[in-house]
Amino acid sequence: MRFKRASEIFRDVDPNLKVIDGGRRRRRLSARGQAEWDKLNGTKCHRCGEDAVRFRPEDRVCINCAQNLNEKELREERKHARFERWRRTHNARIDRNKKGSA
């Protein structure tokens, strides 16, 4: 038994009805075609493993990872600056107490 197209089925009901039949089945990509498709997607980020098209040139990480790394560096710089301020005031307090007791 041969399968009927949708246009053949509905022609009996309404001859003026315009029916667009389904498309063709898609073929599998060859190895070369798959490689070309993968190139279009971009490459994987070395840090998170996600597909990305744009990379930071210094360390080849995607833009999202680059933003995360920048934020982390800023947090560490602020933490280091806060520690240095504490250390200076702490040492100044110790020196002041030593001079006062001598």
Protein backbone atom coordinates (compact mmCIF):
# COMPACT_ATOMS: atom_id res chain seq x y z
CA MET A 1 0.00 0.00 0.00
CA ARG A 2 1.37 3.37 -1.03
CA PHE A 3 1.19 6.25 1.42
CA LYS A 4 -0.84 9.25 0.28
CA ARG A 5 0.35 12.78 0.57
CA ALA A 6 -1.68 15.29 2.52
CA SER A 7 -2.60 17.13 -0.67
CA GLU A 8 -4.01 13.88 -2.16
CA ILE A 9 -6.08 13.20 0.96
CA PHE A 10 -7.60 16.69 1.20
CA ARG A 11 -8.18 17.09 -2.57
CA ASP A 12 -11.41 15.07 -2.30
CA VAL A 13 -12.72 17.32 0.49
CA ASP A 14 -11.73 20.72 -0.94
CA PRO A 15 -10.13 20.92 -4.39
CA ASN A 16 -9.18 24.61 -3.94
CA LEU A 17 -7.30 23.98 -0.67
CA LYS A 18 -3.58 24.61 -0.97
CA VAL A 19 -1.66 22.06 1.09
CA ILE A 20 2.08 22.24 1.53
CA ASP A 21 3.49 18.75 1.88
CA GLY A 22 6.29 18.01 4.31
CA GLY A 23 9.89 18.37 3.29
CA ARG A 24 12.43 15.71 2.60
CA ARG A 25 14.19 13.67 5.21
CA ARG A 26 17.52 15.04 6.18
CA ARG A 27 20.62 13.11 5.35
CA ARG A 28 23.40 12.44 7.79
CA LEU A 29 26.46 14.61 7.46
CA SER A 30 29.66 13.13 6.14
CA ALA A 31 32.79 13.35 8.28
CA ARG A 32 33.95 16.38 6.30
CA GLY A 33 30.54 18.03 6.61
CA GLN A 34 30.49 17.38 10.36
CA ALA A 35 33.95 18.92 10.72
CA GLU A 36 32.81 22.02 8.82
CA TRP A 37 29.71 22.27 10.99
CA ASP A 38 31.83 22.02 14.13
CA LYS A 39 34.03 24.85 12.85
CA LEU A 40 30.95 27.03 12.44
CA ASN A 41 29.97 26.40 16.06
CA GLY A 42 33.35 27.58 17.26
CA THR A 43 35.60 25.67 19.58
CA LYS A 44 35.34 24.64 23.19
CA CYS A 45 36.53 26.88 25.98
CA HIS A 46 39.50 25.42 27.84
CA ARG A 47 38.05 26.44 31.20
CA CYS A 48 34.32 25.63 31.09
CA GLY A 49 34.11 23.31 28.07
CA GLU A 50 31.24 25.24 26.42
CA ASP A 51 31.15 26.01 22.71
CA ALA A 52 32.26 29.57 22.08
CA VAL A 53 33.01 31.75 19.11
CA ARG A 54 34.71 34.67 20.88
CA PHE A 55 37.77 34.17 23.06
CA ARG A 56 40.08 36.32 25.14
CA PRO A 57 43.40 36.11 23.25
CA GLU A 58 45.74 35.95 26.26
CA ASP A 59 44.56 32.65 27.70
CA ARG A 60 41.98 31.41 25.15
CA VAL A 61 38.98 31.41 27.47
CA CYS A 62 35.45 32.35 26.42
CA ILE A 63 34.01 35.76 27.19
CA ASN A 64 31.93 34.52 30.14
CA CYS A 65 34.94 32.87 31.77
CA ALA A 66 37.03 35.99 31.08
CA GLN A 67 34.48 38.15 32.89
CA ASN A 68 34.45 35.73 35.83
CA LEU A 69 38.25 35.76 35.98
CA ASN A 70 38.33 39.58 35.89
CA GLU A 71 35.84 39.75 38.77
CA LYS A 72 37.87 37.23 40.75
CA GLU A 73 41.08 39.22 40.20
CA LEU A 74 39.35 42.42 41.35
CA ARG A 75 38.07 40.69 44.51
CA GLU A 76 41.56 39.40 45.29
CA GLU A 77 43.12 42.85 44.73
CA ARG A 78 40.57 44.45 47.07
CA LYS A 79 41.18 41.75 49.67
CA HIS A 80 44.94 42.26 49.45
CA ALA A 81 44.58 46.07 49.73
CA ARG A 82 42.31 45.66 52.78
CA PHE A 83 44.88 43.36 54.41
CA GLU A 84 47.71 45.81 53.70
CA ARG A 85 45.74 48.68 55.29
CA TRP A 86 45.06 46.52 58.36
CA ARG A 87 48.72 45.48 58.60
CA ARG A 88 49.96 49.11 58.47
CA THR A 89 47.52 50.27 61.14
CA HIS A 90 48.27 47.23 63.28
CA ASN A 91 52.03 47.80 63.09
CA ALA A 92 51.58 51.51 63.74
CA ARG A 93 49.55 50.67 66.86
CA ILE A 94 52.27 48.31 68.10
CA ASP A 95 55.00 50.89 67.46
CA ARG A 96 53.00 53.60 69.26
CA ASN A 97 52.51 51.33 72.31
CA LYS A 98 56.23 50.48 72.41
CA LYS A 99 57.21 54.17 72.37
CA GLY A 100 54.71 55.00 75.08
CA SER A 101 55.93 52.31 77.46
CA ALA A 102 59.64 53.03 76.98
